[in-house]
PDB file of N, CA and C in Angstrom:
ATOM      1  N   MET A   1      14.384  -4.867  24.850  1.00  0.00           N
ATOM      2  CA  MET A   1      15.358  -5.332  23.749  1.00  0.00           C
ATOM      3  C   MET A   1      14.804  -5.741  22.568  1.00  0.00           C
ATOM      4  N   LYS A   2      13.889  -7.047  22.656  1.00  0.00           N
ATOM      5  CA  LYS A   2      13.551  -7.813  21.689  1.00  0.00           C
ATOM      6  C   LYS A   2      12.315  -6.745  20.974  1.00  0.00           C
ATOM      7  N   LYS A   3      11.486  -6.280  21.641  1.00  0.00           N
ATOM      8  CA  LYS A   3      10.777  -5.355  20.945  1.00  0.00           C
ATOM      9  C   LYS A   3      11.256  -4.295  20.156  1.00  0.00           C
ATOM     10  N   ILE A   4      12.182  -3.489  20.681  1.00  0.00           N
ATOM     11  CA  ILE A   4      13.164  -2.849  19.673  1.00  0.00           C
ATOM     12  C   ILE A   4      13.502  -3.178  18.250  1.00  0.00           C
ATOM     13  N   ILE A   5      14.276  -4.632  18.372  1.00  0.00           N
ATOM     14  CA  ILE A   5      14.745  -5.251  17.315  1.00  0.00           C
ATOM     15  C   ILE A   5      13.179  -5.486  16.309  1.00  0.00           C
ATOM     16  N   GLY A   6      12.353  -6.035  16.694  1.00  0.00           N
ATOM     17  CA  GLY A   6      11.099  -6.592  16.252  1.00  0.00           C
ATOM     18  C   GLY A   6      10.551  -5.264  15.533  1.00  0.00           C
ATOM     19  N   LEU A   7      10.655  -4.092  16.364  1.00  0.00           N
ATOM     20  CA  LEU A   7      10.284  -2.974  15.441  1.00  0.00           C
ATOM     21  C   LEU A   7      10.931  -2.458  14.402  1.00  0.00           C
ATOM     22  N   ILE A   8      12.284  -2.340  14.551  1.00  0.00           N
ATOM     23  CA  ILE A   8      12.822  -2.132  13.483  1.00  0.00           C
ATOM     24  C   ILE A   8      12.859  -3.008  12.319  1.00  0.00           C
ATOM     25  N   ILE A   9      12.834  -4.459  12.545  1.00  0.00           N
ATOM     26  CA  ILE A   9      12.588  -5.266  11.380  1.00  0.00           C
ATOM     27  C   ILE A   9      11.124  -4.841  10.769  1.00  0.00           C
ATOM     28  N   CYS A  10      10.107  -4.420  11.305  1.00  0.00           N
ATOM     29  CA  CYS A  10       8.903  -4.555  10.734  1.00  0.00           C
ATOM     30  C   CYS A  10       8.969  -2.927   9.911  1.00  0.00           C
ATOM     31  N   LEU A  11       9.502  -1.888  10.712  1.00  0.00           N
ATOM     32  CA  LEU A  11      10.000  -0.806   9.726  1.00  0.00           C
ATOM     33  C   LEU A  11      10.672  -0.851   8.695  1.00  0.00           C
ATOM     34  N   ALA A  12      11.619  -1.530   8.711  1.00  0.00           N
ATOM     35  CA  ALA A  12      12.658  -2.104   7.227  1.00  0.00           C
ATOM     36  C   ALA A  12      11.419  -2.786   6.199  1.00  0.00           C
ATOM     37  N   LEU A  13      10.636  -4.024   6.801  1.00  0.00           N
ATOM     38  CA  LEU A  13       9.931  -4.508   5.620  1.00  0.00           C
ATOM     39  C   LEU A  13       9.074  -3.479   5.311  1.00  0.00           C
ATOM     40  N   VAL A  14       8.713  -2.684   5.864  1.00  0.00           N
ATOM     41  CA  VAL A  14       7.439  -1.724   5.525  1.00  0.00           C
ATOM     42  C   VAL A  14       8.248  -0.812   4.309  1.00  0.00           C
ATOM     43  N   VAL A  15       9.372  -0.280   4.645  1.00  0.00           N
ATOM     44  CA  VAL A  15       9.749   0.473   3.620  1.00  0.00           C
ATOM     45  C   VAL A  15      10.360  -0.372   2.387  1.00  0.00           C
ATOM     46  N   ILE A  16      10.843  -1.851   2.648  1.00  0.00           N
ATOM     47  CA  ILE A  16      11.353  -2.559   1.611  1.00  0.00           C
ATOM     48  C   ILE A  16      10.200  -2.641   0.573  1.00  0.00           C
ATOM     49  N   LEU A  17       9.043  -3.326   1.299  1.00  0.00           N
ATOM     50  CA  LEU A  17       7.677  -3.781   0.731  1.00  0.00           C
ATOM     51  C   LEU A  17       6.731  -2.662   0.000  1.00  0.00           C
ATOM     52  N   LYS A  18       7.119  -1.258   0.476  1.00  0.00           N
ATOM     53  CA  LYS A  18       6.080  -0.271   0.317  1.00  0.00           C
ATOM     54  C   LYS A  18       5.447  -0.280  -1.134  1.00  0.00           C
ATOM     55  N   ASN A  19       6.627  -0.441  -2.065  1.00  0.00           N
ATOM     56  CA  ASN A  19       5.926  -0.322  -3.335  1.00  0.00           C
ATOM     57  C   ASN A  19       5.412  -1.627  -3.924  1.00  0.00           C
ATOM     58  N   PRO A  20       5.449  -2.922  -3.646  1.00  0.00           N
ATOM     59  CA  PRO A  20       5.032  -3.873  -4.106  1.00  0.00           C
ATOM     60  C   PRO A  20       3.401  -3.842  -3.234  1.00  0.00           C
ATOM     61  N   ILE A  21       3.163  -3.377  -1.971  1.00  0.00           N
ATOM     62  CA  ILE A  21       2.279  -3.545  -1.348  1.00  0.00           C
ATOM     63  C   ILE A  21       1.125  -2.389  -1.844  1.00  0.00           C
ATOM     64  N   SER A  22       2.094  -0.963  -2.201  1.00  0.00           N
ATOM     65  CA  SER A  22       1.001   0.126  -3.046  1.00  0.00           C
ATOM     66  C   SER A  22       0.487  -0.335  -4.420  1.00  0.00           C
ATOM     67  N   ILE A  23       1.360  -0.992  -5.101  1.00  0.00           N
ATOM     68  CA  ILE A  23       0.887  -1.770  -6.522  1.00  0.00           C
ATOM     69  C   ILE A  23      -0.464  -2.699  -6.243  1.00  0.00           C
ATOM     70  N   GLY A  24      -0.534  -3.509  -5.468  1.00  0.00           N
ATOM     71  CA  GLY A  24      -0.948  -4.865  -5.059  1.00  0.00           C
ATOM     72  C   GLY A  24      -2.446  -4.144  -4.553  1.00  0.00           C
ATOM     73  N   MET A  25      -2.491  -2.945  -3.778  1.00  0.00           N
ATOM     74  CA  MET A  25      -3.656  -2.303  -3.047  1.00  0.00           C
ATOM     75  C   MET A  25      -4.405  -1.542  -4.323  1.00  0.00           C
ATOM     76  N   MET A  26      -3.573  -1.032  -5.081  1.00  0.00           N
ATOM     77  CA  MET A  26      -4.163  -0.108  -6.323  1.00  0.00           C
ATOM     78  C   MET A  26      -4.646  -1.308  -7.191  1.00  0.00           C
ATOM     79  N   TYR A  27      -4.455  -2.366  -7.459  1.00  0.00           N
ATOM     80  CA  TYR A  27      -4.998  -3.396  -8.335  1.00  0.00           C
ATOM     81  C   TYR A  27      -6.366  -4.016  -7.701  1.00  0.00           C
ATOM     82  N   VAL A  28      -6.076  -4.100  -6.480  1.00  0.00           N
ATOM     83  CA  VAL A  28      -7.294  -4.466  -5.688  1.00  0.00           C
ATOM     84  C   VAL A  28      -8.626  -3.504  -5.383  1.00  0.00           C
ATOM     85  N   PHE A  29      -8.336  -2.057  -5.420  1.00  0.00           N
ATOM     86  CA  PHE A  29      -8.879  -1.152  -5.376  1.00  0.00           C
ATOM     87  C   PHE A  29      -9.621  -0.852  -6.678  1.00  0.00           C
ATOM     88  N   ASP A  30      -8.859  -0.991  -8.064  1.00  0.00           N
ATOM     89  CA  ASP A  30      -9.237  -0.585  -9.249  1.00  0.00           C
ATOM     90  C   ASP A  30     -10.523  -2.170  -9.400  1.00  0.00           C
ATOM     91  N   PHE A  31      -9.996  -3.225  -9.106  1.00  0.00           N
ATOM     92  CA  PHE A  31     -10.845  -4.246  -9.259  1.00  0.00           C
ATOM     93  C   PHE A  31     -12.362  -4.098  -8.765  1.00  0.00           C
ATOM     94  N   ILE A  32     -12.428  -3.759  -7.446  1.00  0.00           N
ATOM     95  CA  ILE A  32     -13.350  -3.571  -6.779  1.00  0.00           C
ATOM     96  C   ILE A  32     -14.481  -2.480  -7.404  1.00  0.00           C
ATOM     97  N   GLY A  33     -13.685  -0.934  -7.858  1.00  0.00           N
ATOM     98  CA  GLY A  33     -14.262  -0.342  -8.383  1.00  0.00           C
ATOM     99  C   GLY A  33     -14.893  -0.509  -9.782  1.00  0.00           C
ATOM    100  N   ASN A  34     -14.223  -1.518 -10.641  1.00  0.00           N
ATOM    101  CA  ASN A  34     -14.660  -1.834 -11.684  1.00  0.00           C
ATOM    102  C   ASN A  34     -15.971  -2.910 -11.612  1.00  0.00           C
ATOM    103  N   THR A  35     -15.667  -3.731 -10.469  1.00  0.00           N
ATOM    104  CA  THR A  35     -16.726  -4.482 -10.402  1.00  0.00           C
ATOM    105  C   THR A  35     -18.117  -4.170  -9.890  1.00  0.00           C
ATOM    106  N   PHE A  36     -18.011  -2.983  -9.102  1.00  0.00           N
ATOM    107  CA  PHE A  36     -19.129  -2.435  -8.430  1.00  0.00           C
ATOM    108  C   PHE A  36     -19.356  -1.439  -9.123  1.00  0.00           C
ATOM    109  N   ASN A  37     -18.774  -0.705 -10.163  1.00  0.00           N
ATOM    110  CA  ASN A  37     -19.077   0.117 -10.819  1.00  0.00           C
ATOM    111  C   ASN A  37     -19.051   1.769 -10.032  1.00  0.00           C
ATOM    112  N   ILE A  38     -17.949   1.559  -9.069  1.00  0.00           N
ATOM    113  CA  ILE A  38     -17.854   2.687  -7.996  1.00  0.00           C
ATOM    114  C   ILE A  38     -16.690   3.340  -8.204  1.00  0.00           C
ATOM    115  N   THR A  39     -16.301   4.894  -8.257  1.00  0.00           N
ATOM    116  CA  THR A  39     -15.149   5.643  -8.505  1.00  0.00           C
ATOM    117  C   THR A  39     -14.302   5.349  -7.293  1.00  0.00           C
ATOM    118  N   THR A  40     -12.917   5.063  -7.559  1.00  0.00           N
ATOM    119  CA  THR A  40     -12.148   4.695  -6.363  1.00  0.00           C
ATOM    120  C   THR A  40     -10.824   5.553  -6.951  1.00  0.00           C
ATOM    121  N   VAL A  41     -10.872   6.797  -7.543  1.00  0.00           N
ATOM    122  CA  VAL A  41      -9.705   7.602  -8.068  1.00  0.00           C
ATOM    123  C   VAL A  41      -9.026   8.067  -6.935  1.00  0.00           C
ATOM    124  N   GLU A  42      -9.794   8.333  -5.586  1.00  0.00           N
ATOM    125  CA  GLU A  42      -9.020   9.288  -4.714  1.00  0.00           C
ATOM    126  C   GLU A  42      -8.199   8.351  -3.887  1.00  0.00           C
ATOM    127  N   VAL A  43      -8.779   7.217  -3.583  1.00  0.00           N
ATOM    128  CA  VAL A  43      -8.128   5.845  -2.958  1.00  0.00           C
ATOM    129  C   VAL A  43      -6.684   5.491  -3.996  1.00  0.00           C
ATOM    130  N   ILE A  44      -6.865   5.388  -5.341  1.00  0.00           N
ATOM    131  CA  ILE A  44      -6.008   5.170  -6.158  1.00  0.00           C
ATOM    132  C   ILE A  44      -4.667   6.325  -6.126  1.00  0.00           C
ATOM    133  N   ASP A  45      -5.145   7.799  -6.181  1.00  0.00           N
ATOM    134  CA  ASP A  45      -4.518   8.707  -5.920  1.00  0.00           C
ATOM    135  C   ASP A  45      -3.579   8.564  -4.801  1.00  0.00           C
ATOM    136  N   PHE A  46      -4.158   8.303  -3.612  1.00  0.00           N
ATOM    137  CA  PHE A  46      -3.565   8.226  -2.382  1.00  0.00           C
ATOM    138  C   PHE A  46      -2.441   7.249  -2.211  1.00  0.00           C
ATOM    139  N   LEU A  47      -2.490   6.023  -3.048  1.00  0.00           N
ATOM    140  CA  LEU A  47      -1.663   5.183  -3.203  1.00  0.00           C
ATOM    141  C   LEU A  47      -0.802   5.288  -3.966  1.00  0.00           C
ATOM    142  N   ASN A  48      -1.014   5.980  -5.059  1.00  0.00           N
ATOM    143  CA  ASN A  48       0.132   6.625  -6.060  1.00  0.00           C
ATOM    144  C   ASN A  48       1.251   7.432  -5.328  1.00  0.00           C
ATOM    145  N   GLU A  49       0.299   8.363  -4.731  1.00  0.00           N
ATOM    146  CA  GLU A  49       1.222   9.134  -3.695  1.00  0.00           C
ATOM    147  C   GLU A  49       2.304   8.667  -2.439  1.00  0.00           C
ATOM    148  N   ILE A  50       1.717   7.254  -2.056  1.00  0.00           N
ATOM    149  CA  ILE A  50       2.566   6.469  -1.191  1.00  0.00           C
ATOM    150  C   ILE A  50       3.485   5.927  -1.884  1.00  0.00           C
ATOM    151  N   TYR A  51       3.294   5.665  -2.900  1.00  0.00           N
ATOM    152  CA  TYR A  51       4.120   4.822  -3.988  1.00  0.00           C
ATOM    153  C   TYR A  51       5.674   5.803  -4.308  1.00  0.00           C
ATOM    154  N   TYR A  52       5.377   6.703  -4.669  1.00  0.00           N
ATOM    155  CA  TYR A  52       6.254   7.645  -5.235  1.00  0.00           C
ATOM    156  C   TYR A  52       7.142   8.396  -3.948  1.00  0.00           C
ATOM    157  N   LEU A  53       6.674   8.535  -2.612  1.00  0.00           N
ATOM    158  CA  LEU A  53       7.386   8.708  -1.412  1.00  0.00           C
ATOM    159  C   LEU A  53       8.997   8.271  -1.265  1.00  0.00           C
TER     160      LEU A  53
END
């Protein structure tokens, strides 16, 4: 029973915090791309799709 409640709480947190996590990860990958001069368009597009789900 405790495992089910923990799973439900984790799922609720992921749903609630999905947008801030996506935006934060976009910032991190953009920073990495700018720092090392690599293309991160695909990763940022994927995170953008997650943001708008």
